[in-house]
Amino acid sequence: MEKQRILGLVGGISKNSINQKLFDFFKGLAEDRMDIVQFDIKTLPFYCQDIEYNPPAEVKSLKDMIKSSDGLLIVTPEYNRSFPGVLKNALDWGSRPSGENSWNRMPAGVIGTSPGAIGTFGAQSQLRQVLNLLNVRTMNQPEFYLSFPKELPDNRLPEPSLAFLRKYVDAFCDWIRSNKS
């Protein structure tokens, strides 16, 4: 079976991002079934209508990656009960100019982690509203919110969290396969 090509967007852009670590764990668990390629969203300029018809190379690269992908994985932190602006910026660029929404009908999954007790529930809830408007086919179940310490012993997820992530990876692979346009 051919591997599915997945575009990964990680909203945590700090050098020690726990969401980047979660993305890396996900990628490792899915590597036998998926080719997951991450786009570095911090390279994008701020979205501006003045340049949307002649965007910089980074935007063209993002849109090319979207078009060549079977699905999307978004890993988001939570800041002030919402997802980060840098992630919204990437979503805006992918949906513009008007009538050229590259995200349209793309199957996707959303996961995230934070040190807080409810993980990234607030961020994911708001992110799903935006994805719905962009006509992204977001997987609804299982949901994945993880409370994740900033430092992990031996840089490993505890087994219960790893088992939960495995379950999500399996569901995500099935979701992408059954919802490809």
Protein backbone atom coordinates (compact mmCIF):
# COMPACT_ATOMS: atom_id res chain seq x y z
CA MET A 1 0.00 0.00 0.00
CA GLU A 2 1.30 3.41 -0.96
CA LYS A 3 2.07 5.77 1.90
CA GLN A 4 -0.23 8.73 2.33
CA ARG A 5 1.47 12.12 2.06
CA ILE A 6 0.59 14.33 5.00
CA LEU A 7 1.35 18.01 5.48
CA GLY A 8 2.19 18.84 9.09
CA LEU A 9 1.75 22.27 10.66
CA VAL A 10 3.07 22.82 14.17
CA GLY A 11 1.82 25.95 15.89
CA GLY A 12 4.49 25.91 18.60
CA ILE A 13 7.51 27.57 17.01
CA SER A 14 9.83 27.90 20.00
CA LYS A 15 13.05 25.90 19.85
CA ASN A 16 11.92 23.65 22.73
CA SER A 17 8.27 23.39 21.70
CA ILE A 18 6.43 20.54 23.39
CA ASN A 19 4.08 20.53 20.41
CA GLN A 20 7.03 19.92 18.11
CA LYS A 21 7.94 16.96 20.33
CA LEU A 22 4.37 15.68 20.08
CA PHE A 23 4.54 16.04 16.28
CA ASP A 24 7.79 14.06 16.26
CA PHE A 25 6.22 11.28 18.38
CA PHE A 26 3.24 11.18 16.01
CA LYS A 27 5.48 11.05 12.96
CA GLY A 28 7.48 8.19 14.43
CA LEU A 29 4.34 6.16 15.14
CA ALA A 30 2.92 6.75 11.64
CA GLU A 31 6.08 6.45 9.53
CA ASP A 32 5.23 2.97 8.23
CA ARG A 33 1.94 4.26 6.76
CA MET A 34 2.46 7.96 6.15
CA ASP A 35 5.04 10.29 4.70
CA ILE A 36 4.60 13.32 6.97
CA VAL A 37 6.30 16.50 5.80
CA GLN A 38 6.33 19.54 8.06
CA PHE A 39 6.06 23.05 6.72
CA ASP A 40 7.88 25.62 8.88
CA ILE A 41 5.13 28.20 9.39
CA LYS A 42 7.43 30.76 10.97
CA THR A 43 8.96 31.40 7.52
CA LEU A 44 5.71 32.93 6.24
CA PRO A 45 5.28 36.70 6.13
CA PHE A 46 2.19 38.18 7.76
CA TYR A 47 -0.81 37.72 5.50
CA CYS A 48 -1.58 40.89 3.55
CA GLN A 49 -4.14 41.39 0.77
CA ASP A 50 -1.70 43.72 -0.97
CA ILE A 51 0.53 40.78 -1.95
CA GLU A 52 -1.90 37.85 -2.10
CA TYR A 53 -1.95 37.78 -5.94
CA ASN A 54 1.85 37.90 -6.11
CA PRO A 55 2.90 36.14 -2.91
CA PRO A 56 6.47 35.50 -1.81
CA ALA A 57 8.18 32.17 -2.47
CA GLU A 58 7.41 30.83 1.02
CA VAL A 59 3.67 31.18 0.38
CA LYS A 60 3.95 29.51 -3.02
CA SER A 61 5.87 26.67 -1.34
CA LEU A 62 3.11 26.23 1.26
CA LYS A 63 0.39 26.17 -1.40
CA ASP A 64 2.38 23.64 -3.48
CA MET A 65 2.78 21.41 -0.41
CA ILE A 66 -0.95 21.62 0.29
CA LYS A 67 -1.79 20.61 -3.28
CA SER A 68 0.57 17.63 -3.20
CA SER A 69 -0.75 16.32 0.15
CA ASP A 70 -3.41 13.71 0.87
CA GLY A 71 -4.16 15.20 4.26
CA LEU A 72 -3.24 17.64 6.99
CA LEU A 73 -2.09 17.23 10.59
CA ILE A 74 -2.17 20.31 12.80
CA VAL A 75 -0.44 20.25 16.17
CA THR A 76 -1.32 23.29 18.24
CA PRO A 77 -0.42 24.76 21.58
CA GLU A 78 -2.90 26.87 23.49
CA TYR A 79 -2.26 30.52 24.24
CA ASN A 80 -4.97 32.47 26.07
CA ARG A 81 -7.61 29.81 25.21
CA SER A 82 -6.86 30.02 21.51
CA PHE A 83 -4.42 28.77 18.89
CA PRO A 84 -1.35 30.85 17.97
CA GLY A 85 -1.48 33.65 15.43
CA VAL A 86 1.36 32.13 13.42
CA LEU A 87 -0.87 29.11 12.74
CA LYS A 88 -3.81 31.34 11.75
CA ASN A 89 -1.45 33.16 9.40
CA ALA A 90 -0.60 29.87 7.63
CA LEU A 91 -4.28 28.97 7.34
CA ASP A 92 -5.04 32.42 5.90
CA TRP A 93 -2.30 32.17 3.29
CA GLY A 94 -3.48 28.71 2.26
CA SER A 95 -7.03 29.97 1.75
CA ARG A 96 -6.23 33.05 -0.31
CA PRO A 97 -6.77 34.74 -2.67
CA SER A 98 -10.54 34.52 -2.57
CA GLY A 99 -11.78 31.56 -4.60
CA GLU A 100 -8.42 29.75 -4.35
CA ASN A 101 -8.78 27.94 -1.03
CA SER A 102 -6.09 25.26 -1.14
CA TRP A 103 -7.49 23.67 2.06
CA ASN A 104 -10.89 22.95 0.47
CA ARG A 105 -12.10 19.39 1.21
CA MET A 106 -8.74 18.33 2.67
CA PRO A 107 -9.04 15.66 5.38
CA ALA A 108 -7.31 16.70 8.59
CA GLY A 109 -6.58 15.88 12.18
CA VAL A 110 -5.96 18.25 15.07
CA ILE A 111 -3.96 17.43 18.18
CA GLY A 112 -2.12 19.48 20.74
CA THR A 113 -0.51 19.65 24.12
CA SER A 114 0.12 22.12 26.88
CA PRO A 115 1.26 21.88 30.49
CA GLY A 116 -2.25 22.86 31.64
CA ALA A 117 -4.79 20.39 32.99
CA ILE A 118 -7.14 20.55 29.98
CA GLY A 119 -4.44 20.31 27.34
CA THR A 120 -5.42 22.33 24.29
CA PHE A 121 -9.20 22.05 24.42
CA GLY A 122 -9.82 25.80 23.96
CA ALA A 123 -7.31 26.15 21.12
CA GLN A 124 -8.65 23.13 19.27
CA SER A 125 -12.23 24.28 19.63
CA GLN A 126 -11.46 27.64 18.02
CA LEU A 127 -9.20 26.06 15.40
CA ARG A 128 -11.97 23.67 14.37
CA GLN A 129 -14.29 26.65 13.78
CA VAL A 130 -11.77 28.14 11.35
CA LEU A 131 -11.16 24.79 9.64
CA ASN A 132 -14.90 24.32 9.25
CA LEU A 133 -15.16 27.66 7.45
CA LEU A 134 -12.28 26.61 5.16
CA ASN A 135 -14.21 23.41 4.32
CA VAL A 136 -11.55 21.17 5.83
CA ARG A 137 -12.79 17.65 6.66
CA THR A 138 -11.60 17.54 10.24
CA MET A 139 -11.68 14.22 12.08
CA ASN A 140 -13.93 14.63 15.11
CA GLN A 141 -13.24 11.40 17.02
CA PRO A 142 -11.15 10.51 18.82
CA GLU A 143 -10.23 13.90 20.22
CA PHE A 144 -6.66 14.35 21.42
CA TYR A 145 -5.85 16.80 24.21
CA LEU A 146 -2.72 16.07 26.18
CA SER A 147 -1.37 17.66 29.31
CA PHE A 148 2.36 17.42 28.66
CA PRO A 149 5.15 18.50 30.99
CA LYS A 150 7.76 20.85 29.58
CA GLU A 151 10.47 18.27 30.25
CA LEU A 152 10.05 14.53 29.72
CA PRO A 153 12.23 11.98 31.48
CA ASP A 154 14.38 10.30 28.81
CA ASN A 155 12.47 12.38 26.21
CA ARG A 156 9.74 9.70 26.11
CA LEU A 157 5.99 9.84 26.49
CA PRO A 158 4.55 7.86 29.42
CA GLU A 159 2.99 4.59 28.21
CA PRO A 160 -0.66 5.65 28.78
CA SER A 161 -0.11 8.80 26.67
CA LEU A 162 1.75 6.80 24.02
CA ALA A 163 -1.09 4.25 23.85
CA PHE A 164 -3.58 7.10 23.42
CA LEU A 165 -1.45 8.62 20.66
CA ARG A 166 -1.22 5.22 18.89
CA LYS A 167 -5.02 4.99 18.93
CA TYR A 168 -5.24 8.48 17.43
CA VAL A 169 -2.64 7.67 14.74
CA ASP A 170 -4.61 4.57 13.70
CA ALA A 171 -7.87 6.53 13.47
CA PHE A 172 -6.14 9.36 11.59
CA CYS A 173 -4.67 6.98 9.00
CA ASP A 174 -8.12 5.49 8.42
CA TRP A 175 -9.68 8.98 8.24
CA ILE A 176 -7.25 10.19 5.58
CA ARG A 177 -7.60 7.03 3.51
CA SER A 178 -11.41 7.18 3.56
CA ASN A 179 -11.68 10.95 2.94
CA LYS A 180 -9.13 11.67 0.23
CA SER A 181 -10.61 13.86 -2.49
